[in-house]
N, C-alpha and C. Protein backbone atom coordinates (compact mmCIF):
# COMPACT_ATOMS: atom_id res chain seq x y z
N MET A 1 13.21 0.89 -16.86
CA MET A 1 12.35 0.26 -16.14
C MET A 1 12.66 0.21 -14.64
N ILE A 2 13.79 -0.44 -14.30
CA ILE A 2 14.25 -0.46 -12.90
C ILE A 2 15.78 -0.45 -12.90
N THR A 3 16.40 0.33 -12.07
CA THR A 3 17.89 0.39 -12.08
C THR A 3 18.42 -0.53 -10.86
N ALA A 4 19.74 -0.79 -11.00
CA ALA A 4 20.30 -1.52 -9.91
C ALA A 4 20.21 -0.95 -8.55
N PRO A 5 20.42 0.38 -8.45
CA PRO A 5 20.38 1.07 -7.25
C PRO A 5 18.86 0.91 -6.63
N GLN A 6 17.90 1.04 -7.52
CA GLN A 6 16.47 0.89 -7.12
C GLN A 6 16.27 -0.55 -6.57
N LEU A 7 16.78 -1.49 -7.22
CA LEU A 7 16.62 -2.90 -6.86
C LEU A 7 17.19 -3.04 -5.45
N ARG A 8 18.39 -2.59 -5.24
CA ARG A 8 19.08 -2.78 -3.95
C ARG A 8 18.28 -1.99 -2.76
N ALA A 9 17.81 -0.82 -3.07
CA ALA A 9 16.99 -0.04 -2.20
C ALA A 9 15.64 -0.74 -1.83
N ALA A 10 15.00 -1.31 -2.82
CA ALA A 10 13.88 -2.04 -2.65
C ALA A 10 13.99 -3.29 -1.68
N ARG A 11 15.07 -3.96 -1.95
CA ARG A 11 15.38 -5.13 -1.03
C ARG A 11 15.66 -4.64 0.38
N ALA A 12 16.32 -3.47 0.53
CA ALA A 12 16.72 -2.89 1.83
C ALA A 12 15.36 -2.53 2.52
N LEU A 13 14.37 -1.82 1.82
CA LEU A 13 13.14 -1.46 2.40
C LEU A 13 12.40 -2.74 2.85
N LEU A 14 12.43 -3.82 2.17
CA LEU A 14 11.72 -5.00 2.56
C LEU A 14 12.56 -5.78 3.57
N GLY A 15 13.74 -5.48 3.80
CA GLY A 15 14.63 -6.35 4.76
C GLY A 15 14.82 -7.71 4.37
N ILE A 16 15.02 -7.93 3.15
CA ILE A 16 15.27 -9.26 2.54
C ILE A 16 16.63 -9.38 1.81
N ASP A 17 17.12 -10.49 1.76
CA ASP A 17 18.45 -10.75 1.13
C ASP A 17 18.20 -11.21 -0.31
N GLN A 18 19.23 -11.39 -1.13
CA GLN A 18 19.10 -11.81 -2.51
C GLN A 18 18.47 -13.16 -2.61
N ARG A 19 18.75 -14.08 -1.76
CA ARG A 19 18.14 -15.50 -1.80
C ARG A 19 16.58 -15.36 -1.58
N GLN A 20 16.20 -14.49 -0.68
CA GLN A 20 14.75 -14.40 -0.46
C GLN A 20 14.00 -13.72 -1.68
N LEU A 21 14.71 -12.73 -2.31
CA LEU A 21 14.13 -12.08 -3.43
C LEU A 21 14.11 -13.10 -4.53
N ALA A 22 15.05 -13.91 -4.73
CA ALA A 22 15.09 -14.88 -5.86
C ALA A 22 13.92 -15.86 -5.60
N GLY A 23 13.63 -16.27 -4.42
CA GLY A 23 12.50 -17.17 -4.09
C GLY A 23 11.29 -16.54 -4.42
N ARG A 24 11.11 -15.25 -4.11
CA ARG A 24 9.78 -14.61 -4.26
C ARG A 24 9.56 -14.39 -5.75
N SER A 25 10.55 -14.18 -6.52
CA SER A 25 10.42 -13.78 -7.98
C SER A 25 10.60 -15.02 -8.99
N GLY A 26 10.98 -16.18 -8.33
CA GLY A 26 11.22 -17.29 -9.17
C GLY A 26 12.41 -17.18 -10.17
N LEU A 27 13.36 -16.36 -9.73
CA LEU A 27 14.69 -16.26 -10.41
C LEU A 27 15.70 -16.84 -9.60
N SER A 28 16.94 -17.09 -10.21
CA SER A 28 18.04 -17.58 -9.47
C SER A 28 18.81 -16.54 -8.73
N VAL A 29 19.51 -16.94 -7.72
CA VAL A 29 20.35 -15.96 -7.00
C VAL A 29 21.40 -15.30 -7.87
N PRO A 30 22.02 -16.17 -8.81
CA PRO A 30 22.97 -15.46 -9.74
C PRO A 30 22.44 -14.43 -10.53
N THR A 31 21.12 -14.65 -10.99
CA THR A 31 20.41 -13.65 -11.75
C THR A 31 20.16 -12.31 -11.02
N ILE A 32 19.67 -12.47 -9.75
CA ILE A 32 19.56 -11.29 -8.89
C ILE A 32 20.93 -10.58 -8.60
N GLN A 33 21.86 -11.36 -8.36
CA GLN A 33 23.32 -10.75 -8.18
C GLN A 33 23.71 -10.04 -9.49
N ARG A 34 23.48 -10.59 -10.69
CA ARG A 34 23.89 -9.99 -11.89
C ARG A 34 23.06 -8.62 -12.09
N MET A 35 21.80 -8.68 -11.82
CA MET A 35 20.94 -7.49 -11.89
C MET A 35 21.37 -6.38 -11.00
N GLU A 36 21.72 -6.72 -9.83
CA GLU A 36 22.19 -5.72 -8.79
C GLU A 36 23.54 -5.15 -9.08
N ALA A 37 24.26 -5.96 -9.87
CA ALA A 37 25.71 -5.46 -10.21
C ALA A 37 25.65 -4.59 -11.45
N SER A 38 24.61 -4.56 -12.16
CA SER A 38 24.42 -3.79 -13.38
C SER A 38 24.68 -2.35 -13.21
N ASP A 39 25.06 -1.69 -14.29
CA ASP A 39 25.37 -0.23 -14.27
C ASP A 39 24.12 0.38 -14.78
N GLY A 40 23.41 1.14 -13.97
CA GLY A 40 22.30 1.92 -14.46
C GLY A 40 21.02 1.06 -14.60
N VAL A 41 20.29 1.16 -15.69
CA VAL A 41 19.01 0.43 -15.91
C VAL A 41 19.41 -1.04 -16.15
N ILE A 42 18.63 -1.97 -15.47
CA ILE A 42 18.91 -3.39 -15.55
C ILE A 42 18.45 -3.78 -16.92
N ARG A 43 19.34 -4.48 -17.56
CA ARG A 43 18.95 -5.03 -18.90
C ARG A 43 19.04 -6.59 -18.73
N GLY A 44 18.03 -7.17 -19.44
CA GLY A 44 17.92 -8.62 -19.34
C GLY A 44 16.63 -9.23 -19.99
N ASN A 45 16.51 -10.39 -19.84
CA ASN A 45 15.29 -11.08 -20.32
C ASN A 45 14.10 -10.38 -19.85
N VAL A 46 13.11 -10.01 -20.75
CA VAL A 46 11.88 -9.23 -20.38
C VAL A 46 11.06 -10.07 -19.29
N ASP A 47 10.95 -11.38 -19.55
CA ASP A 47 10.28 -12.23 -18.60
C ASP A 47 10.92 -12.17 -17.19
N SER A 48 12.19 -12.24 -17.09
CA SER A 48 12.78 -12.08 -15.75
C SER A 48 12.59 -10.72 -15.11
N LEU A 49 12.70 -9.70 -15.91
CA LEU A 49 12.40 -8.41 -15.41
C LEU A 49 10.92 -8.25 -14.88
N MET A 50 10.02 -8.73 -15.68
CA MET A 50 8.60 -8.74 -15.26
C MET A 50 8.41 -9.55 -13.98
N LYS A 51 9.05 -10.59 -13.81
CA LYS A 51 8.93 -11.41 -12.65
C LYS A 51 9.42 -10.65 -11.42
N LEU A 52 10.55 -10.01 -11.64
CA LEU A 52 11.14 -9.20 -10.52
C LEU A 52 10.32 -8.03 -10.11
N VAL A 53 9.82 -7.34 -10.98
CA VAL A 53 8.95 -6.21 -10.76
C VAL A 53 7.67 -6.56 -10.15
N SER A 54 7.10 -7.66 -10.64
CA SER A 54 5.80 -8.22 -9.96
C SER A 54 6.01 -8.65 -8.56
N ALA A 55 7.14 -9.27 -8.31
CA ALA A 55 7.41 -9.60 -6.88
C ALA A 55 7.71 -8.50 -5.99
N LEU A 56 8.30 -7.48 -6.46
CA LEU A 56 8.50 -6.21 -5.69
C LEU A 56 7.13 -5.63 -5.37
N GLY A 57 6.32 -5.52 -6.45
CA GLY A 57 5.11 -4.92 -6.30
C GLY A 57 4.16 -5.66 -5.41
N ALA A 58 4.18 -7.04 -5.47
CA ALA A 58 3.40 -7.86 -4.52
C ALA A 58 3.92 -7.64 -3.04
N ALA A 59 5.07 -7.30 -2.89
CA ALA A 59 5.69 -7.06 -1.54
C ALA A 59 5.39 -5.71 -1.06
N GLY A 60 4.85 -4.79 -1.90
CA GLY A 60 4.54 -3.46 -1.49
C GLY A 60 5.43 -2.44 -1.92
N ILE A 61 6.31 -2.77 -2.91
CA ILE A 61 7.29 -1.75 -3.34
C ILE A 61 6.69 -1.02 -4.62
N GLU A 62 6.69 0.29 -4.55
CA GLU A 62 6.42 1.09 -5.81
C GLU A 62 7.69 1.69 -6.32
N LEU A 63 7.78 1.44 -7.62
CA LEU A 63 8.96 1.92 -8.32
C LEU A 63 8.70 3.37 -8.91
N ILE A 64 9.59 4.24 -8.63
CA ILE A 64 9.36 5.65 -9.14
C ILE A 64 10.30 5.84 -10.31
N ALA A 65 9.67 6.05 -11.48
CA ALA A 65 10.45 6.20 -12.70
C ALA A 65 11.05 7.63 -12.83
N GLU A 66 12.03 7.79 -13.61
CA GLU A 66 12.65 9.05 -13.97
C GLU A 66 11.46 9.93 -14.53
N GLY A 67 11.33 11.10 -13.97
CA GLY A 67 10.39 12.13 -14.44
C GLY A 67 9.02 11.94 -13.81
N SER A 68 8.82 10.96 -13.00
CA SER A 68 7.54 10.81 -12.24
C SER A 68 7.41 11.84 -11.14
N VAL A 69 6.21 12.02 -10.80
CA VAL A 69 5.97 13.01 -9.69
C VAL A 69 6.53 12.61 -8.38
N SER A 70 7.39 13.24 -7.82
CA SER A 70 7.93 13.03 -6.51
C SER A 70 8.52 14.31 -6.03
N GLN A 71 8.58 14.40 -4.69
CA GLN A 71 9.00 15.80 -4.10
C GLN A 71 10.44 16.15 -4.58
N ALA A 72 11.27 15.23 -4.62
CA ALA A 72 12.72 15.47 -4.76
C ALA A 72 13.06 15.29 -6.38
N GLY A 73 12.18 14.58 -7.10
CA GLY A 73 12.58 14.19 -8.47
C GLY A 73 13.52 13.20 -8.50
N GLY A 74 13.81 12.58 -9.72
CA GLY A 74 14.66 11.50 -10.00
C GLY A 74 13.97 10.11 -9.72
N ARG A 75 14.74 9.09 -9.84
CA ARG A 75 14.25 7.76 -9.67
C ARG A 75 14.29 7.33 -8.29
N GLY A 76 13.48 6.33 -7.87
CA GLY A 76 13.48 5.90 -6.52
C GLY A 76 12.55 4.78 -6.26
N VAL A 77 12.36 4.39 -5.08
CA VAL A 77 11.45 3.38 -4.61
C VAL A 77 10.77 3.87 -3.33
N ARG A 78 9.62 3.42 -3.13
CA ARG A 78 8.92 3.69 -1.87
C ARG A 78 7.88 2.56 -1.63
N LEU A 79 7.62 2.42 -0.28
CA LEU A 79 6.58 1.40 0.13
C LEU A 79 5.21 1.94 -0.25
N ALA A 80 4.42 1.14 -0.87
CA ALA A 80 3.07 1.51 -1.20
C ALA A 80 2.27 1.53 0.13
N ASP A 81 1.00 2.04 0.05
CA ASP A 81 0.32 2.12 1.22
C ASP A 81 0.08 0.81 1.91
N ARG A 82 -0.19 -0.33 1.07
CA ARG A 82 -0.42 -1.61 1.55
C ARG A 82 0.27 -2.54 0.62
N PRO A 83 0.91 -3.63 1.08
CA PRO A 83 1.58 -4.51 0.19
C PRO A 83 0.52 -5.03 -0.82
N GLY A 84 0.99 -5.10 -2.16
CA GLY A 84 0.11 -5.58 -3.26
C GLY A 84 -0.73 -4.53 -3.84
N ASP A 85 -0.77 -3.26 -3.22
CA ASP A 85 -1.50 -2.09 -3.76
C ASP A 85 -0.92 -1.81 -5.18
N ALA A 86 -1.76 -1.59 -6.15
CA ALA A 86 -1.27 -1.09 -7.39
C ALA A 86 -0.87 0.31 -7.36
N PRO A 87 0.25 0.67 -7.98
CA PRO A 87 0.67 2.16 -7.93
C PRO A 87 -0.45 3.07 -8.45
N LYS A 88 -0.52 4.11 -7.74
CA LYS A 88 -1.64 5.08 -8.16
C LYS A 88 -1.05 5.99 -9.26
N PRO A 89 -1.95 6.21 -10.21
CA PRO A 89 -1.47 7.05 -11.40
C PRO A 89 -1.20 8.54 -10.87
N PRO A 90 -0.24 9.17 -11.61
CA PRO A 90 0.13 10.50 -11.07
C PRO A 90 -1.20 11.45 -11.20
N ARG A 91 -1.36 12.31 -10.27
CA ARG A 91 -2.46 13.18 -10.22
C ARG A 91 -2.16 14.34 -11.20
N THR A 92 -3.11 14.54 -12.11
CA THR A 92 -2.95 15.71 -12.90
C THR A 92 -3.59 17.01 -12.29
N LEU A 93 -2.85 18.08 -12.49
CA LEU A 93 -3.30 19.34 -11.94
C LEU A 93 -4.14 20.09 -12.92
N SER A 94 -5.15 20.80 -12.47
CA SER A 94 -5.95 21.72 -13.26
C SER A 94 -4.98 22.93 -13.70
N ARG A 95 -5.39 23.63 -14.65
CA ARG A 95 -4.63 24.80 -15.15
C ARG A 95 -4.41 25.82 -13.90
N ARG A 96 -5.50 25.95 -13.22
CA ARG A 96 -5.33 26.88 -12.01
C ARG A 96 -4.37 26.41 -10.98
N GLN A 97 -4.33 25.07 -10.69
CA GLN A 97 -3.32 24.58 -9.86
C GLN A 97 -1.98 24.70 -10.23
N GLN A 98 -1.78 24.46 -11.67
CA GLN A 98 -0.50 24.58 -12.28
C GLN A 98 0.05 26.06 -12.20
N THR A 99 -0.89 27.05 -12.41
CA THR A 99 -0.59 28.36 -12.28
C THR A 99 -0.20 28.80 -10.81
N ILE A 100 -0.87 28.33 -9.93
CA ILE A 100 -0.67 28.58 -8.48
C ILE A 100 0.80 28.00 -8.19
N ARG A 101 1.08 26.75 -8.59
CA ARG A 101 2.34 26.14 -8.30
C ARG A 101 3.53 26.94 -8.90
N ALA A 102 3.31 27.40 -10.09
CA ALA A 102 4.37 28.12 -10.84
C ALA A 102 4.80 29.43 -10.19
N ARG A 103 3.89 29.93 -9.37
CA ARG A 103 4.23 31.21 -8.70
C ARG A 103 5.31 31.10 -7.64
């Protein structure tokens, strides 16, 4: 769902500290610290993870999952067009576009 490096990068993009993220998400500072100290994908209470992801989305962060369409591939984060925008579903290419890209 979200990795510790993605969480740290999202905070950096927003220019907020752990305390501010805790306030926006309704989580405690120690919970944010534990999540950021995780190795790889953050594991924890589903409710807490949903609060975190929702708070980041409301602030304009779009999470890029493994295997999602992006120029460089891999996981990441990016600012959405406008804060609160829902992430856009990946665009599907027609067979013709896929063939052209494969060349």
